[in-house]
N, C-alpha and C. Protein backbone atom coordinates (compact mmCIF):
# COMPACT_ATOMS: atom_id res chain seq x y z
N MET A 1 19.90 -16.32 -4.03
CA MET A 1 18.88 -16.72 -3.79
C MET A 1 18.18 -17.16 -5.16
N ALA A 2 17.33 -18.53 -4.82
CA ALA A 2 16.78 -18.73 -6.16
C ALA A 2 15.42 -18.19 -6.38
N ASP A 3 15.02 -17.95 -7.62
CA ASP A 3 13.78 -17.57 -8.16
C ASP A 3 12.60 -17.63 -7.06
N ASN A 4 12.50 -18.92 -6.81
CA ASN A 4 11.60 -19.36 -5.94
C ASN A 4 11.68 -18.80 -4.43
N ASP A 5 12.95 -18.45 -4.05
CA ASP A 5 12.85 -17.78 -2.83
C ASP A 5 12.76 -16.39 -2.72
N ARG A 6 12.61 -15.69 -4.02
CA ARG A 6 12.74 -14.17 -3.99
C ARG A 6 11.44 -13.67 -3.28
N MET A 7 11.57 -12.62 -2.59
CA MET A 7 10.41 -11.92 -1.65
C MET A 7 9.52 -11.30 -2.95
N PRO A 8 8.26 -11.29 -2.54
CA PRO A 8 7.36 -10.53 -3.38
C PRO A 8 7.66 -9.08 -3.52
N SER A 9 6.99 -8.60 -4.61
CA SER A 9 7.25 -7.01 -4.82
C SER A 9 5.82 -6.76 -4.18
N ALA A 10 5.49 -5.30 -4.06
CA ALA A 10 4.45 -4.91 -3.48
C ALA A 10 3.01 -5.29 -4.17
N ALA A 11 2.96 -5.80 -5.28
CA ALA A 11 1.66 -6.37 -6.17
C ALA A 11 2.44 -7.64 -6.72
N THR A 12 1.89 -8.87 -6.35
CA THR A 12 2.27 -9.99 -6.83
C THR A 12 1.10 -10.76 -7.31
N GLY A 13 1.25 -11.03 -8.71
CA GLY A 13 0.49 -11.70 -9.30
C GLY A 13 -0.88 -11.01 -9.66
N SER A 14 -1.96 -11.71 -10.27
CA SER A 14 -3.23 -10.90 -10.19
C SER A 14 -4.20 -11.78 -9.79
N ALA A 15 -5.47 -11.04 -9.54
CA ALA A 15 -6.47 -11.78 -8.72
C ALA A 15 -7.80 -11.56 -9.55
N PRO A 16 -8.96 -12.36 -9.49
CA PRO A 16 -10.06 -12.18 -10.06
C PRO A 16 -10.71 -10.87 -9.67
N ALA A 17 -11.28 -9.88 -10.75
CA ALA A 17 -11.98 -8.64 -10.36
C ALA A 17 -13.06 -9.09 -9.43
N LEU A 18 -13.15 -8.26 -8.18
CA LEU A 18 -14.30 -8.29 -7.43
C LEU A 18 -15.38 -7.38 -7.66
N GLY A 19 -16.62 -7.89 -7.23
CA GLY A 19 -17.77 -7.13 -7.30
C GLY A 19 -17.86 -5.88 -6.53
N LEU A 20 -18.84 -4.91 -6.51
CA LEU A 20 -18.91 -3.92 -5.83
C LEU A 20 -19.11 -4.28 -4.30
N ARG A 21 -19.81 -5.00 -4.24
CA ARG A 21 -20.21 -5.29 -2.68
C ARG A 21 -19.01 -5.88 -1.82
N GLU A 22 -17.99 -6.84 -2.69
CA GLU A 22 -16.92 -7.22 -2.11
C GLU A 22 -15.92 -6.19 -1.78
N ARG A 23 -15.85 -5.28 -2.99
CA ARG A 23 -14.74 -4.17 -2.58
C ARG A 23 -15.30 -3.44 -1.64
N LYS A 24 -16.22 -3.17 -1.46
CA LYS A 24 -16.91 -2.25 -0.34
C LYS A 24 -16.67 -2.83 1.10
N LYS A 25 -16.74 -4.19 1.13
CA LYS A 25 -16.54 -5.10 2.33
C LYS A 25 -15.05 -4.81 2.76
N ILE A 26 -14.10 -4.89 1.55
CA ILE A 26 -12.72 -4.71 1.75
C ILE A 26 -12.38 -3.55 2.51
N ARG A 27 -13.06 -2.58 1.74
CA ARG A 27 -12.70 -1.23 2.35
C ARG A 27 -12.91 -0.71 3.43
N THR A 28 -14.36 -1.43 3.90
CA THR A 28 -14.85 -1.15 5.33
C THR A 28 -13.84 -1.81 6.24
N ARG A 29 -13.48 -3.01 6.01
CA ARG A 29 -12.58 -3.67 6.89
C ARG A 29 -11.13 -3.09 7.15
N GLN A 30 -10.57 -2.55 5.94
CA GLN A 30 -9.26 -1.94 6.02
C GLN A 30 -9.54 -0.49 6.93
N ALA A 31 -10.54 0.01 6.46
CA ALA A 31 -10.88 1.43 7.35
C ALA A 31 -11.02 1.32 8.84
N ILE A 32 -11.68 0.02 9.23
CA ILE A 32 -11.85 -0.11 10.90
C ILE A 32 -10.27 -0.38 11.28
N ARG A 33 -9.63 -1.45 10.79
CA ARG A 33 -8.27 -1.72 11.12
C ARG A 33 -7.33 -0.54 11.19
N ALA A 34 -7.54 0.18 10.08
CA ALA A 34 -6.54 1.44 10.03
C ALA A 34 -6.90 2.20 11.27
N ALA A 35 -8.02 2.45 11.46
CA ALA A 35 -8.56 3.35 12.48
C ALA A 35 -8.19 2.69 13.96
N ALA A 36 -8.17 1.62 13.94
CA ALA A 36 -7.64 0.99 15.20
C ALA A 36 -6.26 1.03 15.44
N TYR A 37 -5.46 0.86 14.46
CA TYR A 37 -4.23 0.94 14.53
C TYR A 37 -3.60 2.33 14.90
N ARG A 38 -4.23 3.51 14.37
CA ARG A 38 -3.93 4.63 14.60
C ARG A 38 -4.21 5.13 16.07
N LEU A 39 -5.40 4.43 16.52
CA LEU A 39 -5.73 4.88 17.96
C LEU A 39 -4.84 4.09 19.25
N PHE A 40 -4.59 2.56 18.59
CA PHE A 40 -3.66 2.15 19.53
C PHE A 40 -2.37 2.44 19.71
N GLU A 41 -1.74 3.31 18.30
CA GLU A 41 -0.38 3.86 18.54
C GLU A 41 -0.19 5.11 19.33
N ALA A 42 -1.57 5.82 19.13
CA ALA A 42 -1.70 7.02 20.00
C ALA A 42 -1.96 7.06 21.47
N HIS A 43 -3.14 6.06 21.77
CA HIS A 43 -3.40 6.01 23.11
C HIS A 43 -3.03 4.80 23.84
N GLY A 44 -2.73 3.75 23.22
CA GLY A 44 -2.37 2.43 23.69
C GLY A 44 -3.74 1.57 23.49
N TYR A 45 -3.60 0.11 23.48
CA TYR A 45 -4.42 -0.94 23.21
C TYR A 45 -5.53 -0.80 24.22
N ASP A 46 -5.23 -1.02 25.38
CA ASP A 46 -6.30 -0.96 26.66
C ASP A 46 -6.94 0.18 26.80
N ALA A 47 -6.58 1.44 26.42
CA ALA A 47 -7.17 2.56 26.66
C ALA A 47 -8.05 2.89 25.35
N THR A 48 -8.16 2.13 24.47
CA THR A 48 -8.84 2.33 23.17
C THR A 48 -10.20 1.58 22.99
N PRO A 49 -11.20 1.80 23.49
CA PRO A 49 -12.60 1.17 23.29
C PRO A 49 -13.19 0.87 22.00
N VAL A 50 -13.91 -0.05 21.62
CA VAL A 50 -14.46 -0.55 20.54
C VAL A 50 -15.16 0.92 19.59
N ASP A 51 -16.22 1.46 20.78
CA ASP A 51 -16.84 2.42 20.32
C ASP A 51 -15.99 3.59 19.62
N ARG A 52 -14.91 3.97 20.26
CA ARG A 52 -13.79 4.97 19.78
C ARG A 52 -13.30 4.72 18.49
N ILE A 53 -12.89 3.18 18.13
CA ILE A 53 -12.80 2.96 16.87
C ILE A 53 -13.71 2.94 15.99
N ALA A 54 -14.86 2.74 16.23
CA ALA A 54 -15.92 2.90 15.10
C ALA A 54 -15.92 4.36 14.95
N GLU A 55 -16.03 5.24 15.95
CA GLU A 55 -16.41 6.60 15.71
C GLU A 55 -15.17 7.11 14.47
N GLU A 56 -13.81 6.56 14.83
CA GLU A 56 -12.60 6.99 14.25
C GLU A 56 -12.91 6.66 12.73
N ALA A 57 -13.46 5.26 12.50
CA ALA A 57 -13.59 4.67 11.05
C ALA A 57 -14.82 5.27 10.47
N GLU A 58 -15.69 6.10 11.35
CA GLU A 58 -17.21 6.34 10.71
C GLU A 58 -17.87 5.19 10.50
N VAL A 59 -18.09 4.45 11.43
CA VAL A 59 -19.03 3.49 11.14
C VAL A 59 -19.72 3.16 12.70
N SER A 60 -20.77 2.15 12.65
CA SER A 60 -21.28 2.02 14.02
C SER A 60 -20.49 0.69 14.81
N PRO A 61 -20.81 0.76 15.99
CA PRO A 61 -20.19 -0.39 16.69
C PRO A 61 -20.59 -1.67 16.16
N SER A 62 -21.78 -2.00 16.07
CA SER A 62 -22.26 -3.15 15.37
C SER A 62 -21.35 -3.50 14.03
N THR A 63 -21.12 -2.54 13.16
CA THR A 63 -20.30 -2.80 12.29
C THR A 63 -18.98 -3.20 12.38
N VAL A 64 -18.31 -2.52 13.33
CA VAL A 64 -17.03 -3.19 13.80
C VAL A 64 -17.13 -4.57 14.31
N PHE A 65 -18.12 -5.18 14.94
CA PHE A 65 -18.08 -6.40 15.57
C PHE A 65 -18.53 -7.20 14.44
N ARG A 66 -19.16 -6.94 13.39
CA ARG A 66 -19.41 -7.69 12.23
C ARG A 66 -18.20 -8.03 11.58
N TYR A 67 -17.13 -7.19 11.53
CA TYR A 67 -16.08 -7.39 10.72
C TYR A 67 -15.04 -8.00 11.66
N PHE A 68 -14.85 -7.42 12.99
CA PHE A 68 -13.99 -8.15 13.90
C PHE A 68 -14.85 -8.64 15.40
N PRO A 69 -15.13 -9.51 15.55
CA PRO A 69 -16.00 -9.90 16.56
C PRO A 69 -15.27 -9.66 17.92
N THR A 70 -13.89 -9.56 18.07
CA THR A 70 -13.36 -8.87 19.16
C THR A 70 -12.26 -8.00 18.84
N LYS A 71 -11.75 -7.17 20.08
CA LYS A 71 -10.91 -6.31 19.73
C LYS A 71 -9.60 -6.94 19.14
N GLU A 72 -9.22 -8.11 19.70
CA GLU A 72 -8.02 -8.59 19.44
C GLU A 72 -8.16 -9.38 18.06
N ASP A 73 -9.10 -9.41 17.25
CA ASP A 73 -9.26 -9.88 15.97
C ASP A 73 -8.70 -8.78 15.05
N MET A 74 -8.73 -7.55 15.62
CA MET A 74 -8.13 -6.42 14.62
C MET A 74 -6.62 -6.33 14.56
N VAL A 75 -6.21 -6.77 15.59
CA VAL A 75 -4.56 -6.91 15.64
C VAL A 75 -3.91 -8.17 14.97
N LEU A 76 -4.62 -9.26 15.24
CA LEU A 76 -4.15 -10.53 14.34
C LEU A 76 -4.39 -10.62 13.10
N PRO A 77 -3.50 -11.01 12.37
CA PRO A 77 -3.67 -10.90 10.99
C PRO A 77 -4.65 -12.19 10.48
N ASP A 78 -5.20 -11.70 9.50
CA ASP A 78 -6.23 -12.74 8.99
C ASP A 78 -6.03 -13.32 7.43
N ASP A 79 -4.71 -12.84 7.04
CA ASP A 79 -4.54 -13.61 5.63
C ASP A 79 -3.27 -13.97 5.75
N TYR A 80 -2.50 -14.45 6.73
CA TYR A 80 -1.17 -15.09 6.58
C TYR A 80 -1.34 -16.61 6.09
N ASP A 81 -2.18 -17.36 6.57
CA ASP A 81 -2.38 -18.59 6.26
C ASP A 81 -2.78 -18.76 4.72
N ALA A 82 -3.67 -17.98 4.44
CA ALA A 82 -3.79 -18.07 2.95
C ALA A 82 -2.53 -17.84 1.96
N LEU A 83 -1.68 -16.87 2.36
CA LEU A 83 -0.50 -16.44 1.81
C LEU A 83 0.38 -17.50 1.91
N ILE A 84 0.50 -18.14 3.13
CA ILE A 84 1.72 -19.33 3.16
C ILE A 84 1.08 -20.60 2.33
N GLY A 85 -0.22 -20.76 2.45
CA GLY A 85 -0.70 -22.07 1.38
C GLY A 85 -0.39 -21.61 0.28
N GLU A 86 -0.65 -20.47 -0.35
CA GLU A 86 -0.26 -20.18 -1.64
C GLU A 86 1.08 -20.23 -2.23
N ALA A 87 1.90 -19.83 -1.31
CA ALA A 87 3.12 -19.77 -1.49
C ALA A 87 4.07 -21.37 -1.43
N LEU A 88 3.61 -21.98 -0.49
CA LEU A 88 3.91 -23.35 -0.20
C LEU A 88 3.47 -24.31 -1.54
N ALA A 89 2.38 -24.14 -1.70
CA ALA A 89 1.94 -24.78 -3.23
C ALA A 89 2.86 -24.76 -4.29
N ARG A 90 3.52 -23.74 -4.41
CA ARG A 90 4.54 -23.27 -5.51
C ARG A 90 5.86 -23.69 -5.33
N ARG A 91 6.18 -24.19 -4.10
CA ARG A 91 7.54 -24.58 -3.96
C ARG A 91 7.98 -25.97 -4.68
N PRO A 92 8.94 -26.21 -5.26
CA PRO A 92 9.57 -27.41 -6.06
C PRO A 92 9.17 -28.49 -5.06
N ALA A 93 8.57 -29.51 -5.87
CA ALA A 93 8.35 -30.84 -5.27
C ALA A 93 9.32 -31.52 -4.64
N ALA A 94 10.66 -31.50 -5.14
CA ALA A 94 11.88 -32.13 -4.61
C ALA A 94 12.33 -31.41 -3.47
N GLU A 95 11.95 -30.28 -2.79
CA GLU A 95 12.66 -29.41 -2.22
C GLU A 95 12.44 -29.93 -0.64
N SER A 96 13.32 -29.77 0.21
CA SER A 96 13.21 -30.59 1.74
C SER A 96 12.13 -29.66 2.29
N PRO A 97 11.24 -30.45 3.28
CA PRO A 97 10.21 -29.69 3.85
C PRO A 97 10.78 -28.61 4.67
N VAL A 98 11.77 -28.67 5.14
CA VAL A 98 12.19 -27.42 5.95
C VAL A 98 12.42 -26.03 5.30
N ARG A 99 12.95 -26.37 4.12
CA ARG A 99 13.26 -25.15 3.23
C ARG A 99 12.07 -24.82 2.50
N ALA A 100 11.03 -25.69 2.08
CA ALA A 100 9.89 -25.34 1.38
C ALA A 100 8.86 -24.65 2.43
N VAL A 101 8.68 -24.99 3.72
CA VAL A 101 7.82 -24.33 4.61
C VAL A 101 8.60 -23.05 4.88
N GLY A 102 9.92 -23.01 5.28
CA GLY A 102 10.43 -21.73 5.54
C GLY A 102 10.44 -20.72 4.68
N ALA A 103 10.67 -21.04 3.31
CA ALA A 103 10.62 -19.99 2.24
C ALA A 103 9.15 -19.43 2.18
N ALA A 104 8.09 -20.44 2.30
CA ALA A 104 6.71 -19.99 2.25
C ALA A 104 6.30 -19.03 3.28
N VAL A 105 6.66 -19.41 4.49
CA VAL A 105 6.16 -18.49 5.60
C VAL A 105 7.02 -17.23 5.52
N ALA A 106 8.43 -17.12 5.15
CA ALA A 106 9.07 -15.91 4.99
C ALA A 106 8.32 -15.17 3.86
N TRP A 107 8.17 -15.74 2.86
CA TRP A 107 7.45 -14.93 1.64
C TRP A 107 6.15 -14.30 2.08
N ALA A 108 5.45 -15.17 3.02
CA ALA A 108 4.11 -14.42 3.19
C ALA A 108 4.27 -13.32 4.27
N LEU A 109 5.27 -13.65 5.31
CA LEU A 109 5.54 -12.20 6.17
C LEU A 109 6.00 -11.18 5.46
N HIS A 110 6.87 -11.28 4.32
CA HIS A 110 7.26 -10.37 3.64
C HIS A 110 6.47 -9.48 2.84
N ALA A 111 5.30 -10.24 2.19
CA ALA A 111 4.49 -9.71 1.56
C ALA A 111 3.36 -8.89 2.43
N VAL A 112 3.33 -9.20 3.58
CA VAL A 112 2.51 -8.52 4.52
C VAL A 112 3.27 -7.20 5.03
N TYR A 113 4.46 -7.36 4.96
CA TYR A 113 5.30 -6.15 5.56
C TYR A 113 5.34 -5.13 4.24
N LEU A 114 5.41 -5.39 3.02
CA LEU A 114 5.52 -4.76 1.80
C LEU A 114 4.13 -3.82 1.93
N ARG A 115 3.18 -4.62 2.13
CA ARG A 115 1.90 -4.06 2.02
C ARG A 115 1.43 -3.02 3.12
N ASP A 116 1.82 -3.66 4.37
CA ASP A 116 1.48 -2.85 5.67
C ASP A 116 2.53 -2.82 6.68
N GLY A 117 3.69 -2.27 6.32
CA GLY A 117 5.10 -2.29 7.25
C GLY A 117 4.55 -1.73 8.45
N ARG A 118 4.11 -0.57 8.68
CA ARG A 118 4.07 0.03 10.03
C ARG A 118 2.88 -0.78 10.82
N GLU A 119 1.87 -1.19 10.20
CA GLU A 119 0.91 -2.06 10.98
C GLU A 119 1.69 -3.09 11.39
N MET A 120 2.42 -3.71 10.57
CA MET A 120 3.21 -5.14 11.15
C MET A 120 3.82 -4.71 12.25
N GLN A 121 4.69 -3.67 12.17
CA GLN A 121 5.50 -3.38 13.44
C GLN A 121 4.73 -3.16 14.73
N LEU A 122 3.69 -2.47 14.64
CA LEU A 122 2.80 -2.15 15.48
C LEU A 122 2.29 -3.26 16.25
N ARG A 123 1.65 -4.40 15.50
CA ARG A 123 1.08 -5.64 15.80
C ARG A 123 2.14 -6.38 16.54
N LEU A 124 3.67 -6.43 15.96
CA LEU A 124 4.35 -7.25 16.85
C LEU A 124 4.59 -6.75 18.20
N HIS A 125 4.79 -5.18 18.43
CA HIS A 125 4.89 -4.90 19.65
C HIS A 125 3.75 -4.94 20.60
N LEU A 126 2.51 -5.02 19.91
CA LEU A 126 1.42 -5.13 20.65
C LEU A 126 1.42 -6.63 21.21
N LEU A 127 1.87 -7.67 20.36
CA LEU A 127 1.63 -8.96 20.77
C LEU A 127 2.58 -9.44 21.85
N ARG A 128 3.81 -8.57 22.11
CA ARG A 128 4.73 -8.81 22.91
C ARG A 128 4.25 -8.07 24.28
N GLU A 129 3.34 -7.13 24.37
CA GLU A 129 3.12 -6.40 25.50
C GLU A 129 1.70 -6.73 26.05
N ILE A 130 0.80 -7.31 25.18
CA ILE A 130 -0.56 -7.42 25.74
C ILE A 130 -0.84 -9.13 25.72
N PRO A 131 -1.03 -9.43 27.03
CA PRO A 131 -1.18 -11.04 27.35
C PRO A 131 -2.33 -11.63 26.46
N ALA A 132 -3.60 -10.77 26.50
CA ALA A 132 -4.60 -11.40 25.72
C ALA A 132 -4.16 -11.65 24.30
N LEU A 133 -3.37 -10.75 23.53
CA LEU A 133 -2.92 -10.92 22.34
C LEU A 133 -2.18 -11.97 21.85
N ARG A 134 -1.20 -12.13 23.05
CA ARG A 134 -0.25 -13.32 23.09
C ARG A 134 -0.94 -14.80 23.10
N SER A 135 -2.13 -14.62 23.99
CA SER A 135 -2.91 -16.09 23.90
C SER A 135 -3.54 -16.19 22.84
N ARG A 136 -4.17 -15.21 22.15
CA ARG A 136 -4.92 -15.39 20.77
C ARG A 136 -3.85 -15.93 19.83
N ALA A 137 -2.60 -15.09 19.81
CA ALA A 137 -1.65 -15.55 18.78
C ALA A 137 -1.16 -16.90 18.92
N ALA A 138 -1.14 -17.42 20.05
CA ALA A 138 -0.52 -18.75 20.06
C ALA A 138 -1.69 -19.85 19.52
N ASP A 139 -2.83 -19.38 19.72
CA ASP A 139 -4.06 -20.02 19.17
C ASP A 139 -3.86 -20.14 17.58
N HIS A 140 -3.68 -18.72 17.12
CA HIS A 140 -3.50 -18.53 15.69
C HIS A 140 -2.42 -19.41 15.01
N GLY A 141 -1.30 -19.54 15.80
CA GLY A 141 -0.08 -20.36 15.43
C GLY A 141 -0.31 -21.76 15.19
N ALA A 142 -1.06 -22.24 16.21
CA ALA A 142 -1.51 -23.66 16.38
C ALA A 142 -2.30 -24.13 15.11
N GLU A 143 -3.18 -22.93 14.49
CA GLU A 143 -3.82 -23.24 13.33
C GLU A 143 -3.10 -23.25 12.14
N THR A 144 -1.81 -22.26 12.17
CA THR A 144 -1.08 -22.20 11.08
C THR A 144 -0.30 -23.71 11.24
N VAL A 145 0.16 -24.03 12.04
CA VAL A 145 0.89 -25.38 12.33
C VAL A 145 0.09 -26.59 11.53
N ARG A 146 -1.13 -26.50 11.74
CA ARG A 146 -2.17 -27.44 11.21
C ARG A 146 -2.14 -27.19 9.68
N LEU A 147 -2.19 -26.26 9.23
CA LEU A 147 -2.26 -25.78 7.92
C LEU A 147 -0.95 -26.36 7.08
N LEU A 148 0.23 -26.03 7.69
CA LEU A 148 1.42 -26.49 6.94
C LEU A 148 1.61 -27.99 7.10
N ALA A 149 1.14 -28.65 8.12
CA ALA A 149 1.17 -30.22 8.25
C ALA A 149 0.26 -30.71 7.29
N ARG A 150 -0.95 -30.08 6.79
CA ARG A 150 -1.71 -30.63 5.77
C ARG A 150 -0.97 -30.62 4.61
N VAL A 151 -0.37 -29.44 4.18
CA VAL A 151 0.14 -29.37 2.92
C VAL A 151 1.39 -30.20 2.89
N LEU A 152 2.41 -30.34 3.87
CA LEU A 152 3.37 -31.22 3.80
C LEU A 152 3.11 -32.68 3.80
N ALA A 153 1.88 -32.90 4.42
CA ALA A 153 1.56 -34.28 4.43
C ALA A 153 1.12 -34.85 2.77
N ASP A 154 0.62 -33.85 2.41
CA ASP A 154 0.50 -34.20 0.95
C ASP A 154 1.83 -34.25 0.08
N ARG A 155 2.71 -33.29 0.35
CA ARG A 155 3.99 -33.58 -0.29
C ARG A 155 4.91 -34.59 0.04
N THR A 156 4.80 -35.15 1.07
CA THR A 156 5.59 -36.16 1.49
C THR A 156 5.05 -37.43 1.67
N GLY A 157 3.83 -37.61 1.70
CA GLY A 157 2.99 -38.81 1.91
C GLY A 157 3.07 -39.32 3.39
N ARG A 158 3.48 -38.29 4.35
CA ARG A 158 3.24 -38.77 5.67
C ARG A 158 1.98 -38.47 6.26
N PRO A 159 1.54 -39.32 7.15
CA PRO A 159 -0.01 -39.05 7.78
C PRO A 159 0.11 -37.65 8.67
N LEU A 160 -0.98 -37.12 8.84
CA LEU A 160 -1.12 -35.88 9.50
C LEU A 160 -0.69 -35.99 11.00
N ASP A 161 -0.88 -36.97 11.60
CA ASP A 161 -0.52 -37.17 13.00
C ASP A 161 1.02 -37.63 13.24
N ASP A 162 1.75 -37.60 11.92
CA ASP A 162 3.21 -37.91 12.40
C ASP A 162 3.86 -36.90 13.01
N VAL A 163 4.65 -37.45 14.08
CA VAL A 163 5.15 -36.54 15.13
C VAL A 163 6.30 -35.84 14.40
N GLU A 164 7.05 -36.35 13.46
CA GLU A 164 8.22 -35.57 12.90
C GLU A 164 7.80 -34.37 11.98
N LEU A 165 6.54 -34.76 11.26
CA LEU A 165 6.02 -33.58 10.54
C LEU A 165 5.51 -32.69 11.35
N ARG A 166 4.75 -32.75 12.58
CA ARG A 166 4.44 -31.58 13.17
C ARG A 166 5.58 -31.05 14.01
N VAL A 167 6.76 -31.81 14.35
CA VAL A 167 7.74 -30.88 14.97
C VAL A 167 8.26 -30.15 13.83
N VAL A 168 8.58 -30.42 12.83
CA VAL A 168 9.10 -29.56 11.87
C VAL A 168 8.26 -28.50 11.49
N CYS A 169 6.96 -28.42 11.49
CA CYS A 169 6.20 -27.25 11.20
C CYS A 169 6.10 -26.26 12.30
N THR A 170 6.24 -26.75 13.67
CA THR A 170 6.15 -25.89 14.85
C THR A 170 7.62 -25.36 15.00
N ALA A 171 8.68 -26.14 14.78
CA ALA A 171 9.89 -25.45 14.69
C ALA A 171 10.17 -24.34 13.86
N LEU A 172 9.87 -24.55 12.49
CA LEU A 172 9.86 -23.52 11.53
C LEU A 172 9.07 -22.28 11.91
N LEU A 173 7.79 -22.56 12.27
CA LEU A 173 6.98 -21.32 12.49
C LEU A 173 7.53 -20.61 13.65
N ALA A 174 8.22 -21.09 14.75
CA ALA A 174 8.67 -20.44 15.73
C ALA A 174 9.81 -19.79 15.56
N SER A 175 10.80 -20.56 14.85
CA SER A 175 12.09 -20.04 14.55
C SER A 175 12.10 -18.74 13.58
N LEU A 176 10.96 -18.91 12.46
CA LEU A 176 10.87 -17.69 11.77
C LEU A 176 10.35 -16.51 12.32
N THR A 177 9.32 -16.66 13.22
CA THR A 177 8.38 -15.68 14.22
C THR A 177 9.48 -15.11 14.89
N GLU A 178 10.61 -15.69 15.51
CA GLU A 178 11.69 -15.17 16.45
C GLU A 178 12.72 -14.31 15.51
N VAL A 179 12.75 -14.61 14.01
CA VAL A 179 13.72 -14.10 13.22
C VAL A 179 12.87 -12.50 13.04
N VAL A 180 11.62 -12.87 12.73
CA VAL A 180 11.02 -11.27 12.20
C VAL A 180 10.77 -10.29 13.54
N PHE A 181 10.80 -10.91 14.70
CA PHE A 181 10.62 -10.02 15.88
C PHE A 181 12.01 -9.50 16.01
N GLY A 182 13.04 -10.19 15.97
CA GLY A 182 14.65 -9.76 15.81
C GLY A 182 14.95 -8.52 14.82
N TRP A 183 14.30 -8.86 13.56
CA TRP A 183 14.37 -7.85 12.50
C TRP A 183 13.80 -6.44 12.81
N ILE A 184 12.29 -6.78 13.22
CA ILE A 184 11.69 -5.41 13.71
C ILE A 184 12.35 -4.67 14.93
N ASP A 185 12.90 -5.48 15.83
CA ASP A 185 13.67 -4.86 17.01
C ASP A 185 14.71 -4.04 16.68
N SER A 186 15.48 -4.62 15.62
CA SER A 186 16.91 -4.17 15.04
C SER A 186 16.62 -2.89 14.13
N GLY A 187 15.42 -2.30 13.99
CA GLY A 187 15.18 -1.36 12.92
C GLY A 187 15.15 -1.96 11.54
N MET A 188 15.12 -2.92 11.44
CA MET A 188 14.84 -3.65 10.04
C MET A 188 16.08 -3.13 9.18
N HIS A 189 17.10 -2.93 9.79
CA HIS A 189 18.40 -2.58 8.91
C HIS A 189 18.93 -3.75 8.23
N ASP A 190 18.71 -5.10 8.95
CA ASP A 190 19.36 -6.25 8.42
C ASP A 190 18.55 -6.76 7.22
N ASP A 191 19.09 -7.71 6.28
CA ASP A 191 18.35 -8.17 5.05
C ASP A 191 17.54 -9.26 5.58
N LEU A 192 16.26 -9.21 5.60
CA LEU A 192 15.35 -10.30 5.93
C LEU A 192 15.56 -11.36 5.45
N PRO A 193 15.66 -11.50 4.19
CA PRO A 193 15.94 -12.94 3.29
C PRO A 193 17.19 -13.38 3.86
N ALA A 194 18.18 -12.72 4.10
CA ALA A 194 19.46 -13.47 4.65
C ALA A 194 19.19 -14.03 5.90
N LEU A 195 18.57 -13.26 6.57
CA LEU A 195 18.27 -13.73 8.23
C LEU A 195 17.38 -15.01 7.91
N VAL A 196 16.64 -15.12 7.19
CA VAL A 196 15.74 -16.22 7.24
C VAL A 196 16.42 -17.61 6.50
N ASP A 197 17.54 -17.36 5.72
CA ASP A 197 18.44 -18.35 5.05
C ASP A 197 19.21 -19.08 6.26
N ARG A 198 19.95 -18.11 7.25
CA ARG A 198 20.39 -18.35 8.23
C ARG A 198 19.80 -19.42 9.29
N ALA A 199 18.34 -19.01 9.50
CA ALA A 199 17.49 -19.80 10.33
C ALA A 199 17.41 -21.04 9.57
N LEU A 200 16.97 -21.03 8.44
CA LEU A 200 16.87 -22.21 7.63
C LEU A 200 18.03 -23.27 7.66
N ALA A 201 19.11 -22.65 7.60
CA ALA A 201 20.08 -23.37 7.65
C ALA A 201 20.59 -23.97 8.97
N THR A 202 20.18 -23.17 9.97
CA THR A 202 20.41 -23.86 11.29
C THR A 202 19.60 -24.91 11.68
N LEU A 203 18.18 -24.73 11.22
CA LEU A 203 17.08 -26.05 11.12
C LEU A 203 17.75 -27.10 10.42
N GLU A 204 18.17 -27.18 9.40
CA GLU A 204 18.64 -28.08 8.46
C GLU A 204 19.80 -28.77 8.84
N ARG A 205 20.71 -28.10 9.57
CA ARG A 205 21.73 -28.87 10.01
C ARG A 205 21.58 -29.47 11.31
N GLY A 206 20.50 -29.20 12.04
CA GLY A 206 20.23 -30.15 13.07
C GLY A 206 20.51 -29.25 14.50
N LEU A 207 20.23 -27.85 14.41
CA LEU A 207 20.07 -27.16 15.60
C LEU A 207 21.76 -27.02 16.41
N THR A 208 22.77 -27.62 15.71
CA THR A 208 23.88 -27.54 16.46
C THR A 208 24.51 -26.09 16.07
N LEU A 209 25.50 -25.54 16.75
CA LEU A 209 26.07 -24.05 16.82
C LEU A 209 27.58 -24.43 16.67
């Protein structure tokens, strides 16, 4: 695997120092989400009301809603797109769109797994079990496709409404999502980068078996 394809370590790069107010907001957001996941795992998603999450996180219900307008927002990741955009911007300019987007999405997924592995596993199980979450995830996936299309339009010179561009982005996101679901279901015993490489190779050769 080339250096640009390597999965991230638990801490990647350096970020600007945040002020006290920003750090407090991040800690509060993390505490609410962590409390929600503990309760979802213990009692189930539907059986966990927002006021119980607030109590577990030691904040008010209004604070919960300020950070997460709906309960679904606590499950859906809110930083994948930023990570994908960052990773895709670093891909070699001459790299094929399939390889560039695939590597960027895989990098972002693995970065989140290294940081919040248990939450990621529970999130994927909830997405499969809860219809409302699947619906919201579909909307989020459409937003991700638009992000990928914008970046690839810049890289390739194609217009944003180019059908081939959007098909590539949609197929890649769906393929890699399936790879990650399968990886989680198998107990994460397989090598994720190797699975991603196989998925990308399948797309690059034209979906033939």
